[in-house]
């Protein structure tokens, strides 16, 4: 049986690594360590979510919004 949320932890880690690469490319004025911390903080907000398929896009939007406010 297939579910909407069939992403593994490894797949999520890959998505977040790719996200950090995109952010690092787009926001050269922010250190990689700070980007990682921001992604981790936003990711933690969704740790208890039942469905994780949409977490990477939600994290990306939140981090980009925070970076735009800097």
PDB file of N, CA and C in Angstrom:
ATOM      1  N   UNK A   1       0.845  -1.186   0.000  1.00  0.00           N
ATOM      2  CA  UNK A   1       0.000   0.000   0.000  1.00  0.00           C
ATOM      3  C   UNK A   1       0.891   1.251   0.000  1.00  0.00           C
ATOM      4  N   UNK A   2       0.623   2.156  -0.881  1.00  0.00           N
ATOM      5  CA  UNK A   2       1.379   3.395  -0.992  1.00  0.00           C
ATOM      6  C   UNK A   2       0.619   4.507  -0.272  1.00  0.00           C
ATOM      7  N   UNK A   3       1.359   5.359   0.420  1.00  0.00           N
ATOM      8  CA  UNK A   3       0.744   6.480   1.114  1.00  0.00           C
ATOM      9  C   UNK A   3       1.293   7.777   0.556  1.00  0.00           C
ATOM     10  N   UNK A   4       0.626   8.844   0.891  1.00  0.00           N
ATOM     11  CA  UNK A   4       1.084  10.163   0.458  1.00  0.00           C
ATOM     12  C   UNK A   4       2.483  10.432   0.989  1.00  0.00           C
ATOM     13  N   UNK A   5       2.740   9.992   2.204  1.00  0.00           N
ATOM     14  CA  UNK A   5       4.023  10.268   2.827  1.00  0.00           C
ATOM     15  C   UNK A   5       4.890   9.020   2.839  1.00  0.00           C
ATOM     16  N   UNK A   6       5.488   8.732   1.713  1.00  0.00           N
ATOM     17  CA  UNK A   6       6.347   7.554   1.621  1.00  0.00           C
ATOM     18  C   UNK A   6       7.823   7.931   1.585  1.00  0.00           C
ATOM     19  N   UNK A   7       8.152   9.157   1.993  1.00  0.00           N
ATOM     20  CA  UNK A   7       9.536   9.614   2.007  1.00  0.00           C
ATOM     21  C   UNK A   7      10.261   9.017   3.211  1.00  0.00           C
ATOM     22  N   UNK A   8      11.448   8.517   2.973  1.00  0.00           N
ATOM     23  CA  UNK A   8      12.266   7.999   4.055  1.00  0.00           C
ATOM     24  C   UNK A   8      13.067   9.134   4.684  1.00  0.00           C
ATOM     25  N   UNK A   9      13.623   8.856   5.821  1.00  0.00           N
ATOM     26  CA  UNK A   9      14.459   9.843   6.493  1.00  0.00           C
ATOM     27  C   UNK A   9      15.658  10.223   5.616  1.00  0.00           C
ATOM     28  N   UNK A  10      16.223   9.236   4.933  1.00  0.00           N
ATOM     29  CA  UNK A  10      17.362   9.503   4.045  1.00  0.00           C
ATOM     30  C   UNK A  10      16.957  10.415   2.889  1.00  0.00           C
ATOM     31  N   UNK A  11      15.754  10.202   2.355  1.00  0.00           N
ATOM     32  CA  UNK A  11      15.272  11.056   1.266  1.00  0.00           C
ATOM     33  C   UNK A  11      15.061  12.479   1.759  1.00  0.00           C
ATOM     34  N   UNK A  12      14.514  12.625   2.950  1.00  0.00           N
ATOM     35  CA  UNK A  12      14.339  13.963   3.520  1.00  0.00           C
ATOM     36  C   UNK A  12      15.698  14.629   3.716  1.00  0.00           C
ATOM     37  N   UNK A  13      16.672  13.883   4.233  1.00  0.00           N
ATOM     38  CA  UNK A  13      18.012  14.446   4.419  1.00  0.00           C
ATOM     39  C   UNK A  13      18.588  14.931   3.093  1.00  0.00           C
ATOM     40  N   UNK A  14      18.362  14.170   2.037  1.00  0.00           N
ATOM     41  CA  UNK A  14      18.832  14.567   0.705  1.00  0.00           C
ATOM     42  C   UNK A  14      18.157  15.850   0.255  1.00  0.00           C
ATOM     43  N   UNK A  15      16.856  15.941   0.453  1.00  0.00           N
ATOM     44  CA  UNK A  15      16.118  17.157   0.078  1.00  0.00           C
ATOM     45  C   UNK A  15      16.650  18.371   0.838  1.00  0.00           C
ATOM     46  N   UNK A  16      16.922  18.192   2.131  1.00  0.00           N
ATOM     47  CA  UNK A  16      17.409  19.321   2.920  1.00  0.00           C
ATOM     48  C   UNK A  16      18.842  19.698   2.551  1.00  0.00           C
ATOM     49  N   UNK A  17      19.659  18.740   2.178  1.00  0.00           N
ATOM     50  CA  UNK A  17      21.019  19.045   1.713  1.00  0.00           C
ATOM     51  C   UNK A  17      20.956  19.842   0.416  1.00  0.00           C
ATOM     52  N   UNK A  18      20.058  19.448  -0.485  1.00  0.00           N
ATOM     53  CA  UNK A  18      19.877  20.182  -1.741  1.00  0.00           C
ATOM     54  C   UNK A  18      19.344  21.579  -1.470  1.00  0.00           C
ATOM     55  N   UNK A  19      18.446  21.701  -0.524  1.00  0.00           N
ATOM     56  CA  UNK A  19      17.908  23.007  -0.149  1.00  0.00           C
ATOM     57  C   UNK A  19      19.027  23.911   0.348  1.00  0.00           C
ATOM     58  N   UNK A  20      19.882  23.376   1.205  1.00  0.00           N
ATOM     59  CA  UNK A  20      20.986  24.186   1.716  1.00  0.00           C
ATOM     60  C   UNK A  20      21.931  24.623   0.597  1.00  0.00           C
ATOM     61  N   UNK A  21      22.135  23.766  -0.381  1.00  0.00           N
ATOM     62  CA  UNK A  21      22.964  24.135  -1.539  1.00  0.00           C
ATOM     63  C   UNK A  21      22.331  25.299  -2.304  1.00  0.00           C
ATOM     64  N   UNK A  22      21.024  25.225  -2.541  1.00  0.00           N
ATOM     65  CA  UNK A  22      20.323  26.305  -3.254  1.00  0.00           C
ATOM     66  C   UNK A  22      20.400  27.609  -2.472  1.00  0.00           C
ATOM     67  N   UNK A  23      20.172  27.528  -1.170  1.00  0.00           N
ATOM     68  CA  UNK A  23      20.222  28.730  -0.340  1.00  0.00           C
ATOM     69  C   UNK A  23      21.625  29.323  -0.326  1.00  0.00           C
ATOM     70  N   UNK A  24      22.630  28.464  -0.232  1.00  0.00           N
ATOM     71  CA  UNK A  24      24.016  28.923  -0.237  1.00  0.00           C
ATOM     72  C   UNK A  24      24.337  29.634  -1.544  1.00  0.00           C
ATOM     73  N   UNK A  25      23.800  29.133  -2.634  1.00  0.00           N
ATOM     74  CA  UNK A  25      24.008  29.754  -3.946  1.00  0.00           C
ATOM     75  C   UNK A  25      23.278  31.092  -4.047  1.00  0.00           C
ATOM     76  N   UNK A  26      22.066  31.155  -3.513  1.00  0.00           N
ATOM     77  CA  UNK A  26      21.234  32.354  -3.637  1.00  0.00           C
ATOM     78  C   UNK A  26      21.560  33.439  -2.615  1.00  0.00           C
ATOM     79  N   UNK A  27      22.103  33.056  -1.473  1.00  0.00           N
ATOM     80  CA  UNK A  27      22.372  34.019  -0.394  1.00  0.00           C
ATOM     81  C   UNK A  27      23.846  33.938  -0.013  1.00  0.00           C
ATOM     82  N   UNK A  28      24.684  34.507  -0.842  1.00  0.00           N
ATOM     83  CA  UNK A  28      26.129  34.434  -0.631  1.00  0.00           C
ATOM     84  C   UNK A  28      26.594  35.261   0.566  1.00  0.00           C
ATOM     85  N   UNK A  29      25.742  36.148   1.057  1.00  0.00           N
ATOM     86  CA  UNK A  29      26.112  36.993   2.192  1.00  0.00           C
ATOM     87  C   UNK A  29      25.842  36.322   3.533  1.00  0.00           C
ATOM     88  N   UNK A  30      25.312  35.093   3.518  1.00  0.00           N
ATOM     89  CA  UNK A  30      25.002  34.362   4.742  1.00  0.00           C
ATOM     90  C   UNK A  30      25.898  33.123   4.793  1.00  0.00           C
ATOM     91  N   UNK A  31      26.483  32.873   5.970  1.00  0.00           N
ATOM     92  CA  UNK A  31      27.381  31.723   6.082  1.00  0.00           C
ATOM     93  C   UNK A  31      26.606  30.415   5.956  1.00  0.00           C
ATOM     94  N   UNK A  32      27.310  29.415   5.520  1.00  0.00           N
ATOM     95  CA  UNK A  32      26.716  28.081   5.377  1.00  0.00           C
ATOM     96  C   UNK A  32      26.236  27.565   6.737  1.00  0.00           C
ATOM     97  N   UNK A  33      26.987  27.861   7.785  1.00  0.00           N
ATOM     98  CA  UNK A  33      26.603  27.424   9.129  1.00  0.00           C
ATOM     99  C   UNK A  33      25.280  28.061   9.561  1.00  0.00           C
ATOM    100  N   UNK A  34      25.119  29.335   9.243  1.00  0.00           N
ATOM    101  CA  UNK A  34      23.863  30.017   9.606  1.00  0.00           C
ATOM    102  C   UNK A  34      22.696  29.459   8.799  1.00  0.00           C
ATOM    103  N   UNK A  35      22.915  29.204   7.514  1.00  0.00           N
ATOM    104  CA  UNK A  35      21.860  28.604   6.694  1.00  0.00           C
ATOM    105  C   UNK A  35      21.462  27.245   7.248  1.00  0.00           C
ATOM    106  N   UNK A  36      22.449  26.451   7.617  1.00  0.00           N
ATOM    107  CA  UNK A  36      22.180  25.132   8.175  1.00  0.00           C
ATOM    108  C   UNK A  36      21.364  25.248   9.462  1.00  0.00           C
ATOM    109  N   UNK A  37      21.739  26.188  10.315  1.00  0.00           N
ATOM    110  CA  UNK A  37      21.014  26.393  11.571  1.00  0.00           C
ATOM    111  C   UNK A  37      19.566  26.819  11.313  1.00  0.00           C
ATOM    112  N   UNK A  38      19.376  27.690  10.329  1.00  0.00           N
ATOM    113  CA  UNK A  38      18.024  28.145  10.008  1.00  0.00           C
ATOM    114  C   UNK A  38      17.172  26.996   9.471  1.00  0.00           C
ATOM    115  N   UNK A  39      17.754  26.192   8.599  1.00  0.00           N
ATOM    116  CA  UNK A  39      17.029  25.043   8.048  1.00  0.00           C
ATOM    117  C   UNK A  39      16.698  24.061   9.165  1.00  0.00           C
ATOM    118  N   UNK A  40      17.663  23.782  10.026  1.00  0.00           N
ATOM    119  CA  UNK A  40      17.422  22.858  11.137  1.00  0.00           C
ATOM    120  C   UNK A  40      16.321  23.355  12.063  1.00  0.00           C
ATOM    121  N   UNK A  41      16.331  24.649  12.357  1.00  0.00           N
ATOM    122  CA  UNK A  41      15.317  25.220  13.254  1.00  0.00           C
ATOM    123  C   UNK A  41      13.920  25.079  12.645  1.00  0.00           C
ATOM    124  N   UNK A  42      13.799  25.402  11.366  1.00  0.00           N
ATOM    125  CA  UNK A  42      12.498  25.284  10.709  1.00  0.00           C
ATOM    126  C   UNK A  42      12.084  23.817  10.564  1.00  0.00           C
ATOM    127  N   UNK A  43      13.045  22.961  10.256  1.00  0.00           N
ATOM    128  CA  UNK A  43      12.748  21.534  10.123  1.00  0.00           C
ATOM    129  C   UNK A  43      12.223  20.961  11.441  1.00  0.00           C
ATOM    130  N   UNK A  44      12.788  21.399  12.534  1.00  0.00           N
ATOM    131  CA  UNK A  44      12.377  20.913  13.858  1.00  0.00           C
ATOM    132  C   UNK A  44      10.918  21.256  14.162  1.00  0.00           C
ATOM    133  N   UNK A  45      10.438  22.347  13.600  1.00  0.00           N
ATOM    134  CA  UNK A  45       9.037  22.734  13.816  1.00  0.00           C
ATOM    135  C   UNK A  45       8.069  21.678  13.281  1.00  0.00           C
ATOM    136  N   UNK A  46       8.527  20.902  12.303  1.00  0.00           N
ATOM    137  CA  UNK A  46       7.663  19.908  11.659  1.00  0.00           C
ATOM    138  C   UNK A  46       7.999  18.479  12.087  1.00  0.00           C
ATOM    139  N   UNK A  47       8.798  18.327  13.122  1.00  0.00           N
ATOM    140  CA  UNK A  47       9.241  16.996  13.548  1.00  0.00           C
ATOM    141  C   UNK A  47       8.064  16.075  13.891  1.00  0.00           C
ATOM    142  N   UNK A  48       7.013  16.612  14.434  1.00  0.00           N
ATOM    143  CA  UNK A  48       5.870  15.799  14.819  1.00  0.00           C
ATOM    144  C   UNK A  48       4.803  15.665  13.751  1.00  0.00           C
ATOM    145  N   UNK A  49       5.085  16.180  12.577  1.00  0.00           N
ATOM    146  CA  UNK A  49       4.088  16.137  11.495  1.00  0.00           C
ATOM    147  C   UNK A  49       3.825  14.698  11.065  1.00  0.00           C
ATOM    148  N   UNK A  50       2.586  14.404  10.784  1.00  0.00           N
ATOM    149  CA  UNK A  50       2.232  13.057  10.320  1.00  0.00           C
ATOM    150  C   UNK A  50       2.666  12.835   8.878  1.00  0.00           C
ATOM    151  N   UNK A  51       2.634  13.876   8.088  1.00  0.00           N
ATOM    152  CA  UNK A  51       3.027  13.791   6.681  1.00  0.00           C
ATOM    153  C   UNK A  51       4.245  14.685   6.477  1.00  0.00           C
ATOM    154  N   UNK A  52       5.310  14.104   5.962  1.00  0.00           N
ATOM    155  CA  UNK A  52       6.553  14.850   5.775  1.00  0.00           C
ATOM    156  C   UNK A  52       6.827  15.235   4.325  1.00  0.00           C
ATOM    157  N   UNK A  53       5.989  14.828   3.419  1.00  0.00           N
ATOM    158  CA  UNK A  53       6.236  15.065   1.991  1.00  0.00           C
ATOM    159  C   UNK A  53       6.355  16.549   1.657  1.00  0.00           C
ATOM    160  N   UNK A  54       5.647  17.393   2.382  1.00  0.00           N
ATOM    161  CA  UNK A  54       5.642  18.819   2.066  1.00  0.00           C
ATOM    162  C   UNK A  54       6.573  19.630   2.957  1.00  0.00           C
ATOM    163  N   UNK A  55       7.220  18.981   3.904  1.00  0.00           N
ATOM    164  CA  UNK A  55       8.081  19.697   4.844  1.00  0.00           C
ATOM    165  C   UNK A  55       9.213  20.444   4.152  1.00  0.00           C
ATOM    166  N   UNK A  56       9.924  19.856   3.184  1.00  0.00           N
ATOM    167  CA  UNK A  56      11.017  20.614   2.563  1.00  0.00           C
ATOM    168  C   UNK A  56      10.569  21.941   1.938  1.00  0.00           C
ATOM    169  N   UNK A  57       9.441  21.952   1.263  1.00  0.00           N
ATOM    170  CA  UNK A  57       8.985  23.210   0.648  1.00  0.00           C
ATOM    171  C   UNK A  57       8.536  24.211   1.704  1.00  0.00           C
ATOM    172  N   UNK A  58       7.924  23.742   2.767  1.00  0.00           N
ATOM    173  CA  UNK A  58       7.514  24.644   3.847  1.00  0.00           C
ATOM    174  C   UNK A  58       8.733  25.238   4.554  1.00  0.00           C
ATOM    175  N   UNK A  59       9.746  24.416   4.756  1.00  0.00           N
ATOM    176  CA  UNK A  59      10.984  24.900   5.370  1.00  0.00           C
ATOM    177  C   UNK A  59      11.664  25.908   4.454  1.00  0.00           C
ATOM    178  N   UNK A  60      11.720  25.606   3.174  1.00  0.00           N
ATOM    179  CA  UNK A  60      12.347  26.536   2.234  1.00  0.00           C
ATOM    180  C   UNK A  60      11.638  27.888   2.227  1.00  0.00           C
ATOM    181  N   UNK A  61      10.332  27.882   2.199  1.00  0.00           N
ATOM    182  CA  UNK A  61       9.594  29.145   2.206  1.00  0.00           C
ATOM    183  C   UNK A  61       9.864  29.945   3.472  1.00  0.00           C
ATOM    184  N   UNK A  62       9.871  29.263   4.609  1.00  0.00           N
ATOM    185  CA  UNK A  62      10.103  29.963   5.876  1.00  0.00           C
ATOM    186  C   UNK A  62      11.516  30.544   5.946  1.00  0.00           C
ATOM    187  N   UNK A  63      12.505  29.777   5.523  1.00  0.00           N
ATOM    188  CA  UNK A  63      13.883  30.254   5.569  1.00  0.00           C
ATOM    189  C   UNK A  63      14.087  31.414   4.589  1.00  0.00           C
ATOM    190  N   UNK A  64      13.541  31.293   3.392  1.00  0.00           N
ATOM    191  CA  UNK A  64      13.662  32.390   2.424  1.00  0.00           C
ATOM    192  C   UNK A  64      12.973  33.666   2.936  1.00  0.00           C
ATOM    193  N   UNK A  65      11.842  33.505   3.588  1.00  0.00           N
ATOM    194  CA  UNK A  65      11.151  34.674   4.143  1.00  0.00           C
ATOM    195  C   UNK A  65      12.000  35.322   5.242  1.00  0.00           C
ATOM    196  N   UNK A  66      12.620  34.507   6.080  1.00  0.00           N
ATOM    197  CA  UNK A  66      13.482  35.039   7.132  1.00  0.00           C
ATOM    198  C   UNK A  66      14.701  35.734   6.528  1.00  0.00           C
ATOM    199  N   UNK A  67      15.271  35.150   5.499  1.00  0.00           N
ATOM    200  CA  UNK A  67      16.444  35.761   4.849  1.00  0.00           C
ATOM    201  C   UNK A  67      16.077  37.055   4.123  1.00  0.00           C
ATOM    202  N   UNK A  68      14.890  37.129   3.603  1.00  0.00           N
ATOM    203  CA  UNK A  68      14.457  38.355   2.918  1.00  0.00           C
ATOM    204  C   UNK A  68      14.301  39.512   3.909  1.00  0.00           C
ATOM    205  N   UNK A  69      14.033  39.172   5.151  1.00  0.00           N
ATOM    206  CA  UNK A  69      13.842  40.204   6.180  1.00  0.00           C
ATOM    207  C   UNK A  69      15.157  40.713   6.742  1.00  0.00           C
ATOM    208  N   UNK A  70      16.265  40.069   6.381  1.00  0.00           N
ATOM    209  CA  UNK A  70      17.589  40.491   6.897  1.00  0.00           C
ATOM    210  C   UNK A  70      18.050  41.725   6.161  1.00  0.00           C
TER     211      UNK A  70
END
